[in-house]
């Protein structure tokens, strides 16, 4: 009897996971949110009051450009119970940017990583 209950729970959990597996747009939204946050922090870390307007414009431009690039190259592999967002780089390496499960997308980077990338440009 225990085995039947355990199997039923596993099947139920798998069904819920399949029904709530995030799609490509959910991955784009989560990645875009994280990128925008990191770009904002990276650009605002430049401490120069004379360039505030320029930095604000640059922030909007950089966010839109970055999200456009991600939107063009993002591939989402759907494994039915979870999905993975990835980008294939020019050198052939694959960078995993997000993992989606139960209707939520987790990014594999955070705003500190984006800030570091900006500062290393």
N, C-alpha and C. Protein backbone atom coordinates (compact mmCIF):
# COMPACT_ATOMS: atom_id res chain seq x y z
N UNK A 1 0.82 -1.19 0.00
CA UNK A 1 0.00 0.00 0.00
C UNK A 1 0.86 1.27 0.00
N UNK A 2 1.98 1.23 0.76
CA UNK A 2 2.89 2.37 0.80
C UNK A 2 3.45 2.66 -0.59
N UNK A 3 3.81 1.59 -1.29
CA UNK A 3 4.40 1.77 -2.62
C UNK A 3 3.43 2.43 -3.58
N UNK A 4 2.16 2.08 -3.50
CA UNK A 4 1.15 2.67 -4.37
C UNK A 4 1.01 4.17 -4.09
N UNK A 5 1.02 4.53 -2.82
CA UNK A 5 0.91 5.94 -2.44
C UNK A 5 2.14 6.71 -2.92
N UNK A 6 3.31 6.15 -2.74
CA UNK A 6 4.54 6.80 -3.17
C UNK A 6 4.54 6.98 -4.69
N UNK A 7 4.15 5.94 -5.41
CA UNK A 7 4.10 6.03 -6.88
C UNK A 7 3.08 7.07 -7.31
N UNK A 8 1.93 7.11 -6.65
CA UNK A 8 0.90 8.10 -6.99
C UNK A 8 1.40 9.51 -6.75
N UNK A 9 2.12 9.73 -5.65
CA UNK A 9 2.68 11.06 -5.36
C UNK A 9 3.73 11.45 -6.39
N UNK A 10 4.57 10.52 -6.78
CA UNK A 10 5.60 10.81 -7.79
C UNK A 10 4.94 11.16 -9.12
N UNK A 11 3.93 10.41 -9.51
CA UNK A 11 3.21 10.69 -10.75
C UNK A 11 2.52 12.05 -10.68
N UNK A 12 1.88 12.35 -9.57
CA UNK A 12 1.23 13.64 -9.39
C UNK A 12 2.25 14.78 -9.46
N UNK A 13 3.38 14.62 -8.81
CA UNK A 13 4.43 15.62 -8.83
C UNK A 13 4.95 15.82 -10.26
N UNK A 14 5.14 14.74 -10.99
CA UNK A 14 5.60 14.83 -12.38
C UNK A 14 4.57 15.54 -13.24
N UNK A 15 3.29 15.25 -13.04
CA UNK A 15 2.24 15.91 -13.81
C UNK A 15 2.20 17.41 -13.54
N UNK A 16 2.31 17.79 -12.29
CA UNK A 16 2.32 19.21 -11.94
C UNK A 16 3.54 19.89 -12.56
N UNK A 17 4.67 19.21 -12.51
CA UNK A 17 5.89 19.76 -13.08
C UNK A 17 5.76 19.96 -14.59
N UNK A 18 5.17 19.01 -15.28
CA UNK A 18 4.98 19.12 -16.73
C UNK A 18 4.04 20.28 -17.05
N UNK A 19 2.96 20.42 -16.30
CA UNK A 19 1.98 21.47 -16.56
C UNK A 19 2.51 22.87 -16.25
N UNK A 20 3.47 22.97 -15.35
CA UNK A 20 3.98 24.29 -14.95
C UNK A 20 5.38 24.56 -15.48
N UNK A 21 5.87 23.75 -16.40
CA UNK A 21 7.21 23.94 -16.94
C UNK A 21 7.29 25.29 -17.67
N UNK A 22 8.23 26.17 -17.29
CA UNK A 22 8.33 27.50 -17.90
C UNK A 22 8.69 27.43 -19.39
N UNK A 23 8.12 28.36 -20.15
CA UNK A 23 8.40 28.44 -21.59
C UNK A 23 9.53 29.43 -21.86
N UNK A 24 9.81 29.66 -23.13
CA UNK A 24 10.91 30.54 -23.54
C UNK A 24 10.70 31.97 -23.02
N UNK A 25 9.46 32.46 -23.09
CA UNK A 25 9.20 33.83 -22.63
C UNK A 25 9.48 33.99 -21.14
N UNK A 26 9.17 32.99 -20.34
CA UNK A 26 9.46 33.05 -18.90
C UNK A 26 10.98 33.13 -18.67
N UNK A 27 11.74 32.39 -19.47
CA UNK A 27 13.20 32.46 -19.35
C UNK A 27 13.70 33.85 -19.76
N UNK A 28 13.17 34.39 -20.86
CA UNK A 28 13.57 35.73 -21.29
C UNK A 28 13.24 36.78 -20.23
N UNK A 29 12.08 36.68 -19.62
CA UNK A 29 11.69 37.64 -18.58
C UNK A 29 12.65 37.59 -17.39
N UNK A 30 12.97 36.39 -16.92
CA UNK A 30 13.86 36.25 -15.77
C UNK A 30 15.27 36.72 -16.09
N UNK A 31 15.77 36.34 -17.26
CA UNK A 31 17.12 36.76 -17.65
C UNK A 31 17.16 38.27 -17.84
N UNK A 32 16.14 38.83 -18.49
CA UNK A 32 16.09 40.27 -18.70
C UNK A 32 16.05 41.05 -17.41
N UNK A 33 15.29 40.56 -16.45
CA UNK A 33 15.21 41.23 -15.14
C UNK A 33 16.58 41.24 -14.46
N UNK A 34 17.26 40.11 -14.50
CA UNK A 34 18.58 40.01 -13.87
C UNK A 34 19.61 40.88 -14.60
N UNK A 35 19.56 40.88 -15.93
CA UNK A 35 20.48 41.71 -16.71
C UNK A 35 20.24 43.19 -16.45
N UNK A 36 18.98 43.61 -16.45
CA UNK A 36 18.67 45.02 -16.20
C UNK A 36 19.16 45.47 -14.84
N UNK A 37 18.96 44.62 -13.84
CA UNK A 37 19.42 44.95 -12.50
C UNK A 37 20.94 45.08 -12.46
N UNK A 38 21.63 44.14 -13.08
CA UNK A 38 23.09 44.18 -13.08
C UNK A 38 23.64 45.34 -13.88
N UNK A 39 23.02 45.63 -15.03
CA UNK A 39 23.48 46.77 -15.85
C UNK A 39 23.27 48.07 -15.10
N UNK A 40 22.12 48.21 -14.44
CA UNK A 40 21.84 49.42 -13.66
C UNK A 40 22.88 49.62 -12.57
N UNK A 41 23.20 48.54 -11.85
CA UNK A 41 24.18 48.65 -10.78
C UNK A 41 25.58 48.90 -11.33
N UNK A 42 25.92 48.25 -12.44
CA UNK A 42 27.25 48.43 -13.02
C UNK A 42 27.46 49.83 -13.52
N UNK A 43 26.45 50.40 -14.17
CA UNK A 43 26.57 51.75 -14.70
C UNK A 43 26.49 52.78 -13.59
N UNK A 44 25.62 52.56 -12.60
CA UNK A 44 25.48 53.53 -11.52
C UNK A 44 26.68 53.52 -10.57
N UNK A 45 27.53 52.49 -10.67
CA UNK A 45 28.71 52.47 -9.81
C UNK A 45 29.75 53.49 -10.26
N UNK A 46 29.58 54.02 -11.46
CA UNK A 46 30.46 55.10 -11.93
C UNK A 46 30.02 56.36 -11.21
N UNK A 47 30.89 56.92 -10.40
CA UNK A 47 30.53 58.03 -9.53
C UNK A 47 30.98 59.35 -10.14
N UNK A 48 30.11 59.91 -11.00
CA UNK A 48 30.41 61.18 -11.62
C UNK A 48 29.10 61.91 -11.87
N UNK A 49 28.75 62.91 -11.05
CA UNK A 49 27.46 63.58 -11.16
C UNK A 49 27.25 64.29 -12.50
N UNK A 50 28.33 64.66 -13.18
CA UNK A 50 28.21 65.36 -14.46
C UNK A 50 27.66 64.45 -15.56
N UNK A 51 27.76 63.16 -15.38
CA UNK A 51 27.35 62.24 -16.44
C UNK A 51 26.08 61.46 -16.09
N UNK A 52 25.30 61.93 -15.11
CA UNK A 52 24.10 61.21 -14.70
C UNK A 52 23.10 61.01 -15.83
N UNK A 53 22.84 62.04 -16.62
CA UNK A 53 21.88 61.92 -17.72
C UNK A 53 22.40 60.96 -18.77
N UNK A 54 23.69 61.09 -19.08
CA UNK A 54 24.29 60.19 -20.06
C UNK A 54 24.24 58.75 -19.58
N UNK A 55 24.53 58.54 -18.30
CA UNK A 55 24.51 57.19 -17.75
C UNK A 55 23.09 56.61 -17.74
N UNK A 56 22.10 57.43 -17.48
CA UNK A 56 20.71 56.97 -17.53
C UNK A 56 20.33 56.52 -18.93
N UNK A 57 20.72 57.30 -19.94
CA UNK A 57 20.47 56.94 -21.33
C UNK A 57 21.23 55.68 -21.70
N UNK A 58 22.48 55.60 -21.28
CA UNK A 58 23.30 54.43 -21.55
C UNK A 58 22.69 53.19 -20.90
N UNK A 59 22.15 53.34 -19.71
CA UNK A 59 21.51 52.23 -19.00
C UNK A 59 20.35 51.66 -19.81
N UNK A 60 19.48 52.53 -20.31
CA UNK A 60 18.33 52.08 -21.11
C UNK A 60 18.81 51.42 -22.39
N UNK A 61 19.76 52.05 -23.07
CA UNK A 61 20.29 51.51 -24.32
C UNK A 61 20.95 50.15 -24.10
N UNK A 62 21.79 50.06 -23.08
CA UNK A 62 22.50 48.79 -22.81
C UNK A 62 21.52 47.68 -22.44
N UNK A 63 20.50 48.01 -21.64
CA UNK A 63 19.51 47.00 -21.26
C UNK A 63 18.77 46.48 -22.48
N UNK A 64 18.33 47.39 -23.34
CA UNK A 64 17.58 46.97 -24.54
C UNK A 64 18.46 46.19 -25.50
N UNK A 65 19.69 46.62 -25.69
CA UNK A 65 20.61 45.94 -26.59
C UNK A 65 20.92 44.54 -26.08
N UNK A 66 21.21 44.43 -24.80
CA UNK A 66 21.56 43.14 -24.21
C UNK A 66 20.39 42.17 -24.28
N UNK A 67 19.21 42.65 -23.95
CA UNK A 67 18.03 41.78 -24.00
C UNK A 67 17.73 41.36 -25.44
N UNK A 68 17.97 42.27 -26.40
CA UNK A 68 17.78 41.92 -27.80
C UNK A 68 18.72 40.81 -28.25
N UNK A 69 19.97 40.89 -27.80
CA UNK A 69 20.94 39.84 -28.15
C UNK A 69 20.54 38.52 -27.50
N UNK A 70 20.16 38.57 -26.24
CA UNK A 70 19.74 37.35 -25.55
C UNK A 70 18.52 36.76 -26.23
N UNK A 71 17.56 37.61 -26.59
CA UNK A 71 16.34 37.14 -27.24
C UNK A 71 16.65 36.44 -28.56
N UNK A 72 17.63 36.96 -29.29
CA UNK A 72 17.98 36.37 -30.59
C UNK A 72 18.68 35.03 -30.44
N UNK A 73 19.54 34.88 -29.45
CA UNK A 73 20.38 33.69 -29.35
C UNK A 73 19.96 32.68 -28.28
N UNK A 74 18.99 33.03 -27.45
CA UNK A 74 18.59 32.12 -26.38
C UNK A 74 17.88 30.88 -26.94
N UNK A 75 18.34 29.75 -26.51
CA UNK A 75 17.69 28.49 -26.83
C UNK A 75 17.16 27.92 -25.52
N UNK A 76 15.94 27.42 -25.54
CA UNK A 76 15.36 26.82 -24.34
C UNK A 76 15.07 25.36 -24.66
N UNK A 77 15.73 24.49 -23.93
CA UNK A 77 15.49 23.06 -24.06
C UNK A 77 14.44 22.65 -23.03
N UNK A 78 13.34 22.07 -23.52
CA UNK A 78 12.26 21.66 -22.65
C UNK A 78 12.37 20.16 -22.42
N UNK A 79 12.59 19.79 -21.16
CA UNK A 79 12.70 18.39 -20.78
C UNK A 79 11.43 17.91 -20.08
N UNK A 80 10.31 18.54 -20.39
CA UNK A 80 8.98 18.26 -19.87
C UNK A 80 8.79 18.60 -18.40
N UNK A 81 9.67 18.14 -17.51
CA UNK A 81 9.50 18.47 -16.09
C UNK A 81 10.34 19.67 -15.68
N UNK A 82 11.29 20.06 -16.53
CA UNK A 82 12.08 21.28 -16.31
C UNK A 82 12.57 21.77 -17.67
N UNK A 83 13.06 23.00 -17.71
CA UNK A 83 13.61 23.55 -18.94
C UNK A 83 14.89 24.30 -18.63
N UNK A 84 15.77 24.38 -19.62
CA UNK A 84 17.06 25.03 -19.45
C UNK A 84 17.24 26.06 -20.56
N UNK A 85 17.58 27.29 -20.18
CA UNK A 85 17.88 28.36 -21.14
C UNK A 85 19.38 28.44 -21.32
N UNK A 86 19.83 28.46 -22.58
CA UNK A 86 21.26 28.48 -22.84
C UNK A 86 21.57 29.29 -24.08
N UNK A 87 22.82 29.72 -24.17
CA UNK A 87 23.33 30.43 -25.34
C UNK A 87 24.59 29.71 -25.79
N UNK A 88 24.70 29.49 -27.10
CA UNK A 88 25.90 28.89 -27.66
C UNK A 88 26.82 30.02 -28.12
N UNK A 89 28.02 30.06 -27.59
CA UNK A 89 28.98 31.11 -27.91
C UNK A 89 29.66 30.83 -29.25
N UNK A 90 30.36 31.83 -29.75
CA UNK A 90 31.05 31.68 -31.03
C UNK A 90 32.09 30.57 -31.02
N UNK A 91 32.72 30.37 -29.88
CA UNK A 91 33.75 29.34 -29.80
C UNK A 91 33.16 27.94 -29.62
N UNK A 92 31.83 27.84 -29.62
CA UNK A 92 31.16 26.55 -29.52
C UNK A 92 30.79 26.14 -28.11
N UNK A 93 31.26 26.89 -27.13
CA UNK A 93 30.90 26.57 -25.75
C UNK A 93 29.46 26.98 -25.48
N UNK A 94 28.84 26.30 -24.55
CA UNK A 94 27.44 26.56 -24.19
C UNK A 94 27.39 27.15 -22.80
N UNK A 95 26.73 28.29 -22.67
CA UNK A 95 26.55 28.95 -21.37
C UNK A 95 25.10 28.77 -20.93
N UNK A 96 24.90 28.12 -19.82
CA UNK A 96 23.56 27.97 -19.27
C UNK A 96 23.21 29.22 -18.48
N UNK A 97 22.12 29.86 -18.85
CA UNK A 97 21.71 31.10 -18.20
C UNK A 97 20.57 30.91 -17.21
N UNK A 98 19.75 29.87 -17.42
CA UNK A 98 18.59 29.73 -16.56
C UNK A 98 18.09 28.29 -16.53
N UNK A 99 17.40 27.99 -15.43
CA UNK A 99 16.75 26.69 -15.25
C UNK A 99 15.33 26.97 -14.77
N UNK A 100 14.35 26.35 -15.42
CA UNK A 100 12.97 26.57 -15.05
C UNK A 100 12.30 25.30 -14.57
N UNK A 101 11.58 25.40 -13.47
CA UNK A 101 10.86 24.27 -12.92
C UNK A 101 9.70 24.79 -12.08
N UNK A 102 8.57 24.09 -12.10
CA UNK A 102 7.38 24.44 -11.33
C UNK A 102 6.96 25.90 -11.54
N UNK A 103 7.03 26.39 -12.76
CA UNK A 103 6.57 27.73 -13.07
C UNK A 103 7.51 28.85 -12.68
N UNK A 104 8.69 28.54 -12.22
CA UNK A 104 9.66 29.56 -11.83
C UNK A 104 10.95 29.35 -12.58
N UNK A 105 11.61 30.45 -12.93
CA UNK A 105 12.89 30.39 -13.64
C UNK A 105 13.98 30.92 -12.72
N UNK A 106 15.00 30.13 -12.54
CA UNK A 106 16.16 30.51 -11.74
C UNK A 106 17.30 30.83 -12.69
N UNK A 107 17.88 32.01 -12.54
CA UNK A 107 19.03 32.35 -13.37
C UNK A 107 20.30 31.80 -12.74
N UNK A 108 21.26 31.45 -13.58
CA UNK A 108 22.51 30.88 -13.08
C UNK A 108 23.57 31.95 -12.88
N UNK A 109 23.16 33.21 -12.98
CA UNK A 109 24.04 34.34 -12.71
C UNK A 109 23.21 35.34 -11.91
N UNK A 110 23.88 36.32 -11.32
CA UNK A 110 23.14 37.34 -10.60
C UNK A 110 23.63 38.73 -11.01
N UNK A 111 23.04 39.76 -10.41
CA UNK A 111 23.38 41.12 -10.80
C UNK A 111 24.84 41.46 -10.50
N UNK A 112 25.44 40.80 -9.52
CA UNK A 112 26.86 41.03 -9.23
C UNK A 112 27.74 40.54 -10.37
N UNK A 113 27.35 39.41 -10.98
CA UNK A 113 28.09 38.89 -12.13
C UNK A 113 28.03 39.88 -13.30
N UNK A 114 26.84 40.43 -13.56
CA UNK A 114 26.67 41.38 -14.66
C UNK A 114 27.48 42.63 -14.38
N UNK A 115 27.45 43.11 -13.14
CA UNK A 115 28.22 44.29 -12.76
C UNK A 115 29.71 44.03 -12.99
N UNK A 116 30.18 42.84 -12.64
CA UNK A 116 31.58 42.48 -12.85
C UNK A 116 31.90 42.43 -14.34
N UNK A 117 30.99 41.88 -15.15
CA UNK A 117 31.21 41.83 -16.60
C UNK A 117 31.34 43.23 -17.17
N UNK A 118 30.48 44.16 -16.70
CA UNK A 118 30.52 45.54 -17.19
C UNK A 118 31.83 46.21 -16.80
N UNK A 119 32.26 45.99 -15.57
CA UNK A 119 33.49 46.63 -15.11
C UNK A 119 34.73 46.06 -15.81
N UNK A 120 34.63 44.84 -16.32
CA UNK A 120 35.76 44.24 -17.01
C UNK A 120 35.78 44.52 -18.50
N UNK A 121 34.81 45.31 -18.99
CA UNK A 121 34.79 45.65 -20.42
C UNK A 121 35.88 46.63 -20.76
